[in-house]
PDB file of N, CA and C in Angstrom:
ATOM      1  N   ASN A   1      66.395  17.754 -50.309  1.00  0.00           N
ATOM      2  CA  ASN A   1      66.993  17.341 -51.563  1.00  0.00           C
ATOM      3  C   ASN A   1      68.508  17.587 -51.521  1.00  0.00           C
ATOM      4  N   ASP A   2      68.896  18.806 -51.149  1.00  0.00           N
ATOM      5  CA  ASP A   2      70.327  19.114 -51.019  1.00  0.00           C
ATOM      6  C   ASP A   2      70.978  18.236 -49.954  1.00  0.00           C
ATOM      7  N   TYR A   3      70.209  17.947 -48.941  1.00  0.00           N
ATOM      8  CA  TYR A   3      70.703  17.112 -47.849  1.00  0.00           C
ATOM      9  C   TYR A   3      71.143  15.748 -48.391  1.00  0.00           C
ATOM     10  N   TYR A   4      70.298  15.157 -49.207  1.00  0.00           N
ATOM     11  CA  TYR A   4      70.602  13.829 -49.744  1.00  0.00           C
ATOM     12  C   TYR A   4      71.759  13.873 -50.748  1.00  0.00           C
ATOM     13  N   LYS A   5      71.845  14.952 -51.504  1.00  0.00           N
ATOM     14  CA  LYS A   5      72.968  15.100 -52.442  1.00  0.00           C
ATOM     15  C   LYS A   5      74.292  15.159 -51.686  1.00  0.00           C
ATOM     16  N   LEU A   6      74.290  15.934 -50.594  1.00  0.00           N
ATOM     17  CA  LEU A   6      75.519  16.042 -49.807  1.00  0.00           C
ATOM     18  C   LEU A   6      75.890  14.710 -49.153  1.00  0.00           C
ATOM     19  N   ILE A   7      74.886  13.989 -48.703  1.00  0.00           N
ATOM     20  CA  ILE A   7      75.163  12.668 -48.120  1.00  0.00           C
ATOM     21  C   ILE A   7      75.823  11.775 -49.171  1.00  0.00           C
ATOM     22  N   LYS A   8      75.255  11.792 -50.364  1.00  0.00           N
ATOM     23  CA  LYS A   8      75.803  10.986 -51.456  1.00  0.00           C
ATOM     24  C   LYS A   8      77.235  11.425 -51.769  1.00  0.00           C
ATOM     25  N   GLN A   9      77.450  12.743 -51.796  1.00  0.00           N
ATOM     26  CA  GLN A   9      78.784  13.285 -52.065  1.00  0.00           C
ATOM     27  C   GLN A   9      79.777  12.805 -51.007  1.00  0.00           C
ATOM     28  N   TYR A  10      79.353  12.832 -49.743  1.00  0.00           N
ATOM     29  CA  TYR A  10      80.235  12.359 -48.673  1.00  0.00           C
ATOM     30  C   TYR A  10      80.550  10.873 -48.845  1.00  0.00           C
ATOM     31  N   GLU A  11      79.523  10.122 -49.234  1.00  0.00           N
ATOM     32  CA  GLU A  11      79.760   8.685 -49.418  1.00  0.00           C
ATOM     33  C   GLU A  11      80.738   8.436 -50.563  1.00  0.00           C
ATOM     34  N   ILE A  12      80.535   9.195 -51.647  1.00  0.00           N
ATOM     35  CA  ILE A  12      81.401   9.009 -52.816  1.00  0.00           C
ATOM     36  C   ILE A  12      82.835   9.407 -52.489  1.00  0.00           C
ATOM     37  N   GLU A  13      82.996  10.521 -51.848  1.00  0.00           N
ATOM     38  CA  GLU A  13      84.335  11.019 -51.536  1.00  0.00           C
ATOM     39  C   GLU A  13      84.945  10.330 -50.323  1.00  0.00           C
ATOM     40  N   LYS A  14      84.170   9.549 -49.646  1.00  0.00           N
ATOM     41  CA  LYS A  14      84.627   8.777 -48.478  1.00  0.00           C
ATOM     42  C   LYS A  14      85.315   9.661 -47.444  1.00  0.00           C
ATOM     43  N   ARG A  15      84.603  10.737 -47.123  1.00  0.00           N
ATOM     44  CA  ARG A  15      85.135  11.626 -46.088  1.00  0.00           C
ATOM     45  C   ARG A  15      84.971  10.951 -44.737  1.00  0.00           C
ATOM     46  N   ASP A  16      85.684  11.425 -43.790  1.00  0.00           N
ATOM     47  CA  ASP A  16      85.614  10.757 -42.492  1.00  0.00           C
ATOM     48  C   ASP A  16      84.297  11.063 -41.785  1.00  0.00           C
ATOM     49  N   ALA A  17      83.911  10.221 -40.895  1.00  0.00           N
ATOM     50  CA  ALA A  17      82.619  10.283 -40.214  1.00  0.00           C
ATOM     51  C   ALA A  17      82.501  11.522 -39.338  1.00  0.00           C
ATOM     52  N   ARG A  18      83.593  11.977 -38.752  1.00  0.00           N
ATOM     53  CA  ARG A  18      83.554  13.145 -37.882  1.00  0.00           C
ATOM     54  C   ARG A  18      83.123  14.382 -38.667  1.00  0.00           C
ATOM     55  N   GLU A  19      83.675  14.582 -39.827  1.00  0.00           N
ATOM     56  CA  GLU A  19      83.313  15.734 -40.661  1.00  0.00           C
ATOM     57  C   GLU A  19      81.833  15.664 -41.058  1.00  0.00           C
ATOM     58  N   PHE A  20      81.394  14.479 -41.407  1.00  0.00           N
ATOM     59  CA  PHE A  20      79.991  14.296 -41.783  1.00  0.00           C
ATOM     60  C   PHE A  20      79.074  14.577 -40.596  1.00  0.00           C
ATOM     61  N   THR A  21      79.455  14.082 -39.423  1.00  0.00           N
ATOM     62  CA  THR A  21      78.647  14.283 -38.224  1.00  0.00           C
ATOM     63  C   THR A  21      78.563  15.759 -37.872  1.00  0.00           C
ATOM     64  N   GLU A  22      79.677  16.465 -37.995  1.00  0.00           N
ATOM     65  CA  GLU A  22      79.667  17.905 -37.729  1.00  0.00           C
ATOM     66  C   GLU A  22      78.744  18.637 -38.707  1.00  0.00           C
ATOM     67  N   TRP A  23      78.871  18.264 -39.961  1.00  0.00           N
ATOM     68  CA  TRP A  23      78.013  18.893 -40.977  1.00  0.00           C
ATOM     69  C   TRP A  23      76.537  18.604 -40.676  1.00  0.00           C
ATOM     70  N   GLN A  24      76.264  17.345 -40.336  1.00  0.00           N
ATOM     71  CA  GLN A  24      74.889  16.932 -40.048  1.00  0.00           C
ATOM     72  C   GLN A  24      74.330  17.705 -38.854  1.00  0.00           C
ATOM     73  N   GLN A  25      75.102  17.861 -37.808  1.00  0.00           N
ATOM     74  CA  GLN A  25      74.665  18.617 -36.630  1.00  0.00           C
ATOM     75  C   GLN A  25      74.432  20.087 -36.979  1.00  0.00           C
ATOM     76  N   LYS A  26      75.338  20.625 -37.798  1.00  0.00           N
ATOM     77  CA  LYS A  26      75.186  22.017 -38.239  1.00  0.00           C
ATOM     78  C   LYS A  26      73.879  22.189 -39.016  1.00  0.00           C
ATOM     79  N   GLU A  27      73.586  21.271 -39.897  1.00  0.00           N
ATOM     80  CA  GLU A  27      72.343  21.333 -40.679  1.00  0.00           C
ATOM     81  C   GLU A  27      71.119  21.205 -39.771  1.00  0.00           C
ATOM     82  N   ARG A  28      71.202  20.316 -38.807  1.00  0.00           N
ATOM     83  CA  ARG A  28      70.079  20.150 -37.873  1.00  0.00           C
ATOM     84  C   ARG A  28      69.858  21.421 -37.056  1.00  0.00           C
ATOM     85  N   ARG A  29      70.949  22.067 -36.621  1.00  0.00           N
ATOM     86  CA  ARG A  29      70.821  23.341 -35.898  1.00  0.00           C
ATOM     87  C   ARG A  29      70.163  24.402 -36.785  1.00  0.00           C
ATOM     88  N   LYS A  30      70.598  24.463 -38.040  1.00  0.00           N
ATOM     89  CA  LYS A  30      70.004  25.429 -38.975  1.00  0.00           C
ATOM     90  C   LYS A  30      68.504  25.173 -39.130  1.00  0.00           C
ATOM     91  N   GLN A  31      68.166  23.898 -39.294  1.00  0.00           N
ATOM     92  CA  GLN A  31      66.753  23.550 -39.456  1.00  0.00           C
ATOM     93  C   GLN A  31      65.956  23.894 -38.202  1.00  0.00           C
ATOM     94  N   GLU A  32      66.527  23.634 -37.041  1.00  0.00           N
ATOM     95  CA  GLU A  32      65.840  23.946 -35.783  1.00  0.00           C
ATOM     96  C   GLU A  32      65.683  25.457 -35.623  1.00  0.00           C
ATOM     97  N   GLU A  33      66.731  26.207 -35.963  1.00  0.00           N
ATOM     98  CA  GLU A  33      66.638  27.670 -35.901  1.00  0.00           C
ATOM     99  C   GLU A  33      65.558  28.185 -36.847  1.00  0.00           C
ATOM    100  N   GLN A  34      65.506  27.610 -38.035  1.00  0.00           N
ATOM    101  CA  GLN A  34      64.486  28.028 -39.002  1.00  0.00           C
ATOM    102  C   GLN A  34      63.090  27.665 -38.496  1.00  0.00           C
ATOM    103  N   ARG A  35      62.973  26.478 -37.888  1.00  0.00           N
ATOM    104  CA  ARG A  35      61.675  26.068 -37.340  1.00  0.00           C
ATOM    105  C   ARG A  35      61.239  27.033 -36.240  1.00  0.00           C
ATOM    106  N   ILE A  36      62.170  27.410 -35.371  1.00  0.00           N
ATOM    107  CA  ILE A  36      61.863  28.351 -34.285  1.00  0.00           C
ATOM    108  C   ILE A  36      61.446  29.703 -34.860  1.00  0.00           C
ATOM    109  N   LYS A  37      62.157  30.166 -35.898  1.00  0.00           N
ATOM    110  CA  LYS A  37      61.783  31.427 -36.547  1.00  0.00           C
ATOM    111  C   LYS A  37      60.379  31.334 -37.141  1.00  0.00           C
ATOM    112  N   ASN A  38      60.100  30.212 -37.798  1.00  0.00           N
ATOM    113  CA  ASN A  38      58.776  30.032 -38.408  1.00  0.00           C
ATOM    114  C   ASN A  38      57.671  30.028 -37.356  1.00  0.00           C
ATOM    115  N   VAL A  39      57.931  29.369 -36.233  1.00  0.00           N
ATOM    116  CA  VAL A  39      56.952  29.349 -35.143  1.00  0.00           C
ATOM    117  C   VAL A  39      56.734  30.763 -34.613  1.00  0.00           C
ATOM    118  N   ALA A  40      57.820  31.514 -34.448  1.00  0.00           N
ATOM    119  CA  ALA A  40      57.702  32.895 -33.950  1.00  0.00           C
ATOM    120  C   ALA A  40      56.918  33.758 -34.932  1.00  0.00           C
ATOM    121  N   ILE A  41      57.169  33.574 -36.219  1.00  0.00           N
ATOM    122  CA  ILE A  41      56.434  34.338 -37.237  1.00  0.00           C
ATOM    123  C   ILE A  41      54.954  33.990 -37.185  1.00  0.00           C
ATOM    124  N   LYS A  42      54.657  32.689 -37.113  1.00  0.00           N
ATOM    125  CA  LYS A  42      53.246  32.275 -37.055  1.00  0.00           C
ATOM    126  C   LYS A  42      52.568  32.799 -35.794  1.00  0.00           C
ATOM    127  N   ARG A  43      53.287  32.791 -34.678  1.00  0.00           N
ATOM    128  CA  ARG A  43      52.734  33.308 -33.425  1.00  0.00           C
ATOM    129  C   ARG A  43      52.437  34.808 -33.563  1.00  0.00           C
ATOM    130  N   ALA A  44      53.380  35.546 -34.150  1.00  0.00           N
ATOM    131  CA  ALA A  44      53.186  36.989 -34.343  1.00  0.00           C
ATOM    132  C   ALA A  44      52.010  37.251 -35.284  1.00  0.00           C
ATOM    133  N   GLU A  45      51.908  36.449 -36.342  1.00  0.00           N
ATOM    134  CA  GLU A  45      50.784  36.604 -37.275  1.00  0.00           C
ATOM    135  C   GLU A  45      49.456  36.319 -36.574  1.00  0.00           C
ATOM    136  N   ALA A  46      49.443  35.285 -35.731  1.00  0.00           N
ATOM    137  CA  ALA A  46      48.219  34.950 -34.999  1.00  0.00           C
ATOM    138  C   ALA A  46      47.842  36.072 -34.036  1.00  0.00           C
ATOM    139  N   GLN A  47      48.830  36.639 -33.351  1.00  0.00           N
ATOM    140  CA  GLN A  47      48.556  37.744 -32.431  1.00  0.00           C
ATOM    141  C   GLN A  47      48.041  38.963 -33.183  1.00  0.00           C
ATOM    142  N   LEU A  48      48.627  39.231 -34.342  1.00  0.00           N
ATOM    143  CA  LEU A  48      48.172  40.355 -35.160  1.00  0.00           C
ATOM    144  C   LEU A  48      46.741  40.124 -35.634  1.00  0.00           C
ATOM    145  N   ALA A  49      46.463  38.909 -36.099  1.00  0.00           N
ATOM    146  CA  ALA A  49      45.107  38.596 -36.558  1.00  0.00           C
ATOM    147  C   ALA A  49      44.109  38.735 -35.412  1.00  0.00           C
ATOM    148  N   ARG A  50      44.491  38.288 -34.224  1.00  0.00           N
ATOM    149  CA  ARG A  50      43.609  38.413 -33.054  1.00  0.00           C
ATOM    150  C   ARG A  50      43.355  39.885 -32.740  1.00  0.00           C
ATOM    151  N   ALA A  51      44.426  40.683 -32.737  1.00  0.00           N
ATOM    152  CA  ALA A  51      44.279  42.115 -32.449  1.00  0.00           C
ATOM    153  C   ALA A  51      43.398  42.791 -33.495  1.00  0.00           C
ATOM    154  N   GLN A  52      43.580  42.412 -34.750  1.00  0.00           N
ATOM    155  CA  GLN A  52      42.743  42.983 -35.809  1.00  0.00           C
ATOM    156  C   GLN A  52      41.285  42.568 -35.625  1.00  0.00           C
ATOM    157  N   GLY A  53      41.073  41.329 -35.218  1.00  0.00           N
ATOM    158  CA  GLY A  53      39.713  40.860 -34.965  1.00  0.00           C
ATOM    159  C   GLY A  53      39.059  41.613 -33.817  1.00  0.00           C
ATOM    160  N   ILE A  54      39.810  41.820 -32.758  1.00  0.00           N
ATOM    161  CA  ILE A  54      39.296  42.573 -31.607  1.00  0.00           C
ATOM    162  C   ILE A  54      38.970  43.998 -32.020  1.00  0.00           C
ATOM    163  N   HIS A  55      39.858  44.599 -32.796  1.00  0.00           N
ATOM    164  CA  HIS A  55      39.622  45.972 -33.270  1.00  0.00           C
ATOM    165  C   HIS A  55      38.370  46.032 -34.150  1.00  0.00           C
ATOM    166  N   ALA A  56      38.247  45.070 -35.054  1.00  0.00           N
ATOM    167  CA  ALA A  56      37.083  45.051 -35.947  1.00  0.00           C
ATOM    168  C   ALA A  56      35.791  44.873 -35.152  1.00  0.00           C
ATOM    169  N   ALA A  57      35.810  44.003 -34.150  1.00  0.00           N
ATOM    170  CA  ALA A  57      34.619  43.787 -33.325  1.00  0.00           C
ATOM    171  C   ALA A  57      34.267  45.053 -32.542  1.00  0.00           C
ATOM    172  N   ALA A  58      35.272  45.717 -32.006  1.00  0.00           N
ATOM    173  CA  ALA A  58      35.026  46.960 -31.262  1.00  0.00           C
ATOM    174  C   ALA A  58      34.470  48.037 -32.184  1.00  0.00           C
ATOM    175  N   LEU A  59      35.013  48.116 -33.377  1.00  0.00           N
ATOM    176  CA  LEU A  59      34.531  49.095 -34.351  1.00  0.00           C
ATOM    177  C   LEU A  59      33.085  48.796 -34.731  1.00  0.00           C
ATOM    178  N   LEU A  60      32.762  47.520 -34.902  1.00  0.00           N
ATOM    179  CA  LEU A  60      31.391  47.133 -35.226  1.00  0.00           C
ATOM    180  C   LEU A  60      30.446  47.499 -34.085  1.00  0.00           C
ATOM    181  N   ARG A  61      30.859  47.232 -32.836  1.00  0.00           N
ATOM    182  CA  ARG A  61      30.020  47.600 -31.691  1.00  0.00           C
ATOM    183  C   ARG A  61      29.805  49.105 -31.642  1.00  0.00           C
ATOM    184  N   LEU A  62      30.854  49.864 -31.909  1.00  0.00           N
ATOM    185  CA  LEU A  62      30.749  51.322 -31.907  1.00  0.00           C
ATOM    186  C   LEU A  62      29.783  51.794 -32.989  1.00  0.00           C
ATOM    187  N   ARG A  63      29.903  51.211 -34.174  1.00  0.00           N
ATOM    188  CA  ARG A  63      29.000  51.597 -35.270  1.00  0.00           C
ATOM    189  C   ARG A  63      27.553  51.238 -34.938  1.00  0.00           C
ATOM    190  N   LYS A  64      27.352  50.060 -34.345  1.00  0.00           N
ATOM    191  CA  LYS A  64      25.992  49.666 -33.965  1.00  0.00           C
ATOM    192  C   LYS A  64      25.440  50.611 -32.906  1.00  0.00           C
ATOM    193  N   ALA A  65      26.271  50.936 -31.917  1.00  0.00           N
ATOM    194  CA  ALA A  65      25.830  51.846 -30.855  1.00  0.00           C
ATOM    195  C   ALA A  65      25.487  53.210 -31.434  1.00  0.00           C
ATOM    196  N   THR A  66      26.303  53.682 -32.356  1.00  0.00           N
ATOM    197  CA  THR A  66      26.037  54.970 -33.002  1.00  0.00           C
ATOM    198  C   THR A  66      24.742  54.901 -33.794  1.00  0.00           C
ATOM    199  N   SER A  67      24.540  53.803 -34.500  1.00  0.00           N
ATOM    200  CA  SER A  67      23.326  53.629 -35.286  1.00  0.00           C
ATOM    201  C   SER A  67      22.096  53.586 -34.383  1.00  0.00           C
ATOM    202  N   VAL A  68      22.189  52.838 -33.290  1.00  0.00           N
ATOM    203  CA  VAL A  68      21.068  52.755 -32.344  1.00  0.00           C
ATOM    204  C   VAL A  68      20.782  54.131 -31.753  1.00  0.00           C
ATOM    205  N   ARG A  69      21.836  54.854 -31.380  1.00  0.00           N
ATOM    206  CA  ARG A  69      21.662  56.195 -30.823  1.00  0.00           C
ATOM    207  C   ARG A  69      20.989  57.119 -31.844  1.00  0.00           C
ATOM    208  N   ASP A  70      21.435  57.038 -33.093  1.00  0.00           N
ATOM    209  CA  ASP A  70      20.841  57.874 -34.138  1.00  0.00           C
ATOM    210  C   ASP A  70      19.375  57.514 -34.375  1.00  0.00           C
ATOM    211  N   LEU A  71      19.069  56.205 -34.352  1.00  0.00           N
ATOM    212  CA  LEU A  71      17.679  55.777 -34.536  1.00  0.00           C
ATOM    213  C   LEU A  71      16.805  56.257 -33.381  1.00  0.00           C
ATOM    214  N   ARG A  72      17.323  56.140 -32.165  1.00  0.00           N
ATOM    215  CA  ARG A  72      16.559  56.608 -30.997  1.00  0.00           C
ATOM    216  C   ARG A  72      16.336  58.114 -31.063  1.00  0.00           C
ATOM    217  N   LYS A  73      17.364  58.828 -31.475  1.00  0.00           N
ATOM    218  CA  LYS A  73      17.254  60.282 -31.595  1.00  0.00           C
ATOM    219  C   LYS A  73      16.204  60.647 -32.646  1.00  0.00           C
ATOM    220  N   ALA A  74      16.224  59.956 -33.788  1.00  0.00           N
ATOM    221  CA  ALA A  74      15.246  60.217 -34.846  1.00  0.00           C
ATOM    222  C   ALA A  74      13.834  59.886 -34.365  1.00  0.00           C
ATOM    223  N   ALA A  75      13.695  58.789 -33.612  1.00  0.00           N
ATOM    224  CA  ALA A  75      12.382  58.419 -33.084  1.00  0.00           C
ATOM    225  C   ALA A  75      11.891  59.470 -32.096  1.00  0.00           C
ATOM    226  N   LEU A  76      12.787  59.979 -31.274  1.00  0.00           N
ATOM    227  CA  LEU A  76      12.426  61.016 -30.312  1.00  0.00           C
ATOM    228  C   LEU A  76      11.996  62.294 -31.032  1.00  0.00           C
ATOM    229  N   VAL A  77      12.713  62.651 -32.090  1.00  0.00           N
ATOM    230  CA  VAL A  77      12.347  63.838 -32.874  1.00  0.00           C
ATOM    231  C   VAL A  77      10.959  63.649 -33.482  1.00  0.00           C
ATOM    232  N   ARG A  78      10.709  62.459 -34.056  1.00  0.00           N
ATOM    233  CA  ARG A  78       9.373  62.195 -34.633  1.00  0.00           C
ATOM    234  C   ARG A  78       8.290  62.256 -33.566  1.00  0.00           C
ATOM    235  N   GLN A  79       8.591  61.706 -32.391  1.00  0.00           N
ATOM    236  CA  GLN A  79       7.624  61.724 -31.296  1.00  0.00           C
ATOM    237  C   GLN A  79       7.329  63.161 -30.863  1.00  0.00           C
ATOM    238  N   MET A  80       8.370  63.972 -30.762  1.00  0.00           N
ATOM    239  CA  MET A  80       8.176  65.377 -30.382  1.00  0.00           C
ATOM    240  C   MET A  80       7.379  66.125 -31.447  1.00  0.00           C
ATOM    241  N   GLN A  81       7.659  65.851 -32.720  1.00  0.00           N
ATOM    242  CA  GLN A  81       6.911  66.496 -33.802  1.00  0.00           C
ATOM    243  C   GLN A  81       5.436  66.092 -33.745  1.00  0.00           C
ATOM    244  N   GLN A  82       5.186  64.812 -33.472  1.00  0.00           N
ATOM    245  CA  GLN A  82       3.806  64.331 -33.375  1.00  0.00           C
ATOM    246  C   GLN A  82       3.095  65.003 -32.200  1.00  0.00           C
ATOM    247  N   ARG A  83       3.791  65.129 -31.074  1.00  0.00           N
ATOM    248  CA  ARG A  83       3.183  65.791 -29.912  1.00  0.00           C
ATOM    249  C   ARG A  83       2.896  67.264 -30.205  1.00  0.00           C
ATOM    250  N   GLU A  84       3.842  67.928 -30.890  1.00  0.00           N
ATOM    251  CA  GLU A  84       3.618  69.332 -31.257  1.00  0.00           C
ATOM    252  C   GLU A  84       2.417  69.462 -32.188  1.00  0.00           C
ATOM    253  N   LYS A  85       2.300  68.532 -33.132  1.00  0.00           N
ATOM    254  CA  LYS A  85       1.167  68.557 -34.070  1.00  0.00           C
ATOM    255  C   LYS A  85      -0.146  68.361 -33.314  1.00  0.00           C
ATOM    256  N   LEU A  86      -0.156  67.390 -32.393  1.00  0.00           N
ATOM    257  CA  LEU A  86      -1.371  67.150 -31.609  1.00  0.00           C
ATOM    258  C   LEU A  86      -1.700  68.356 -30.726  1.00  0.00           C
ATOM    259  N   ALA A  87      -0.675  68.966 -30.143  1.00  0.00           N
ATOM    260  CA  ALA A  87      -0.904  70.147 -29.307  1.00  0.00           C
ATOM    261  C   ALA A  87      -1.463  71.292 -30.146  1.00  0.00           C
ATOM    262  N   GLU A  88      -0.945  71.468 -31.357  1.00  0.00           N
ATOM    263  CA  GLU A  88      -1.446  72.516 -32.258  1.00  0.00           C
ATOM    264  C   GLU A  88      -2.905  72.246 -32.642  1.00  0.00           C
ATOM    265  N   GLU A  89      -3.197  70.973 -32.968  1.00  0.00           N
ATOM    266  CA  GLU A  89      -4.584  70.621 -33.308  1.00  0.00           C
ATOM    267  C   GLU A  89      -5.504  70.868 -32.116  1.00  0.00           C
ATOM    268  N   HIS A  90      -5.050  70.510 -30.928  1.00  0.00           N
ATOM    269  CA  HIS A  90      -5.844  70.730 -29.717  1.00  0.00           C
ATOM    270  C   HIS A  90      -6.081  72.229 -29.497  1.00  0.00           C
ATOM    271  N   ALA A  91      -5.018  73.022 -29.682  1.00  0.00           N
ATOM    272  CA  ALA A  91      -5.144  74.477 -29.512  1.00  0.00           C
ATOM    273  C   ALA A  91      -6.139  75.052 -30.517  1.00  0.00           C
ATOM    274  N   GLN A  92      -6.119  74.546 -31.749  1.00  0.00           N
ATOM    275  CA  GLN A  92      -7.069  75.020 -32.765  1.00  0.00           C
ATOM    276  C   GLN A  92      -8.504  74.651 -32.386  1.00  0.00           C
ATOM    277  N   LEU A  93      -8.689  73.425 -31.872  1.00  0.00           N
ATOM    278  CA  LEU A  93     -10.033  73.015 -31.445  1.00  0.00           C
ATOM    279  C   LEU A  93     -10.523  73.882 -30.289  1.00  0.00           C
ATOM    280  N   VAL A  94      -9.639  74.153 -29.323  1.00  0.00           N
ATOM    281  CA  VAL A  94     -10.006  75.008 -28.192  1.00  0.00           C
ATOM    282  C   VAL A  94     -10.361  76.403 -28.694  1.00  0.00           C
ATOM    283  N   HIS A  95      -9.578  76.925 -29.631  1.00  0.00           N
ATOM    284  CA  HIS A  95      -9.841  78.253 -30.189  1.00  0.00           C
ATOM    285  C   HIS A  95     -11.201  78.275 -30.896  1.00  0.00           C
ATOM    286  N   ARG A  96     -11.496  77.248 -31.683  1.00  0.00           N
ATOM    287  CA  ARG A  96     -12.797  77.187 -32.378  1.00  0.00           C
ATOM    288  C   ARG A  96     -13.949  77.117 -31.379  1.00  0.00           C
ATOM    289  N   ALA A  97     -13.738  76.296 -30.327  1.00  0.00           N
ATOM    290  CA  ALA A  97     -14.801  76.159 -29.326  1.00  0.00           C
ATOM    291  C   ALA A  97     -15.039  77.488 -28.617  1.00  0.00           C
ATOM    292  N   ARG A  98     -13.984  78.191 -28.267  1.00  0.00           N
ATOM    293  CA  ARG A  98     -14.133  79.492 -27.605  1.00  0.00           C
ATOM    294  C   ARG A  98     -14.785  80.509 -28.545  1.00  0.00           C
ATOM    295  N   THR A  99     -14.358  80.474 -29.804  1.00  0.00           N
ATOM    296  CA  THR A  99     -14.950  81.400 -30.784  1.00  0.00           C
ATOM    297  C   THR A  99     -16.437  81.120 -30.938  1.00  0.00           C
ATOM    298  N   ALA A 100     -16.785  79.844 -31.019  1.00  0.00           N
ATOM    299  CA  ALA A 100     -18.201  79.476 -31.158  1.00  0.00           C
ATOM    300  C   ALA A 100     -18.974  79.883 -29.907  1.00  0.00           C
ATOM    301  N   ARG A 101     -18.413  79.652 -28.739  1.00  0.00           N
ATOM    302  CA  ARG A 101     -19.062  80.029 -27.490  1.00  0.00           C
ATOM    303  C   ARG A 101     -19.238  81.549 -27.412  1.00  0.00           C
ATOM    304  N   ASP A 102     -18.164  82.271 -27.728  1.00  0.00           N
ATOM    305  CA  ASP A 102     -18.260  83.738 -27.699  1.00  0.00           C
ATOM    306  C   ASP A 102     -19.292  84.232 -28.705  1.00  0.00           C
ATOM    307  N   SER A 103     -19.337  83.589 -29.844  1.00  0.00           N
ATOM    308  CA  SER A 103     -20.307  83.976 -30.881  1.00  0.00           C
ATOM    309  C   SER A 103     -21.734  83.729 -30.389  1.00  0.00           C
ATOM    310  N   ARG A 104     -21.959  82.590 -29.716  1.00  0.00           N
ATOM    311  CA  ARG A 104     -23.294  82.301 -29.171  1.00  0.00           C
ATOM    312  C   ARG A 104     -23.661  83.315 -28.109  1.00  0.00           C
ATOM    313  N   HIS A 105     -22.697  83.612 -27.219  1.00  0.00           N
ATOM    314  CA  HIS A 105     -22.973  84.611 -26.180  1.00  0.00           C
ATOM    315  C   HIS A 105     -23.302  85.965 -26.798  1.00  0.00           C
ATOM    316  N   ALA A 106     -22.561  86.323 -27.823  1.00  0.00           N
ATOM    317  CA  ALA A 106     -22.818  87.610 -28.493  1.00  0.00           C
ATOM    318  C   ALA A 106     -24.200  87.602 -29.135  1.00  0.00           C
ATOM    319  N   SER A 107     -24.597  86.480 -29.728  1.00  0.00           N
ATOM    320  CA  SER A 107     -25.929  86.382 -30.350  1.00  0.00           C
ATOM    321  C   SER A 107     -27.020  86.476 -29.295  1.00  0.00           C
ATOM    322  N   ILE A 108     -26.784  85.793 -28.170  1.00  0.00           N
ATOM    323  CA  ILE A 108     -27.774  85.828 -27.088  1.00  0.00           C
ATOM    324  C   ILE A 108     -27.886  87.235 -26.537  1.00  0.00           C
ATOM    325  N   GLU A 109     -26.777  87.906 -26.328  1.00  0.00           N
ATOM    326  CA  GLU A 109     -26.784  89.281 -25.821  1.00  0.00           C
ATOM    327  C   GLU A 109     -27.465  90.223 -26.813  1.00  0.00           C
ATOM    328  N   ALA A 110     -27.227  89.995 -28.103  1.00  0.00           N
ATOM    329  CA  ALA A 110     -27.846  90.852 -29.125  1.00  0.00           C
ATOM    330  C   ALA A 110     -29.347  90.625 -29.154  1.00  0.00           C
ATOM    331  N   ALA A 111     -29.744  89.387 -28.929  1.00  0.00           N
ATOM    332  CA  ALA A 111     -31.173  89.082 -28.949  1.00  0.00           C
ATOM    333  C   ALA A 111     -31.863  89.662 -27.726  1.00  0.00           C
ATOM    334  N   LYS A 112     -31.184  89.760 -26.618  1.00  0.00           N
ATOM    335  CA  LYS A 112     -31.761  90.305 -25.402  1.00  0.00           C
ATOM    336  C   LYS A 112     -32.000  91.803 -25.544  1.00  0.00           C
ATOM    337  N   GLN A 113     -31.271  92.454 -26.345  1.00  0.00           N
ATOM    338  CA  GLN A 113     -31.401  93.902 -26.427  1.00  0.00           C
ATOM    339  C   GLN A 113     -32.374  94.258 -27.446  1.00  0.00           C
TER     340      GLN A 113
END
């Protein structure tokens, strides 16, 4: 918009073509510099977004690995508790069987006398 106003101003004031050409080249350089800056900013933003994405993915993998490890640990604890319970039940059955056997032997010995 300003560009067109200045062109009109130059036409109205009938400035020489050299001055206009210099101004035009200066404006084009400014625009090109701004375009280059904008591209650099967008590139930096894209790199930052990529780095953030990589970090987020790594963090997610770490959390999943931690969760899996915790689940496996909990399953192992439950398995060990179940084995201990079964071992205790087995020990109680063995104790009852021995007590019953000893009791029968004692009864048989008492009957023999």
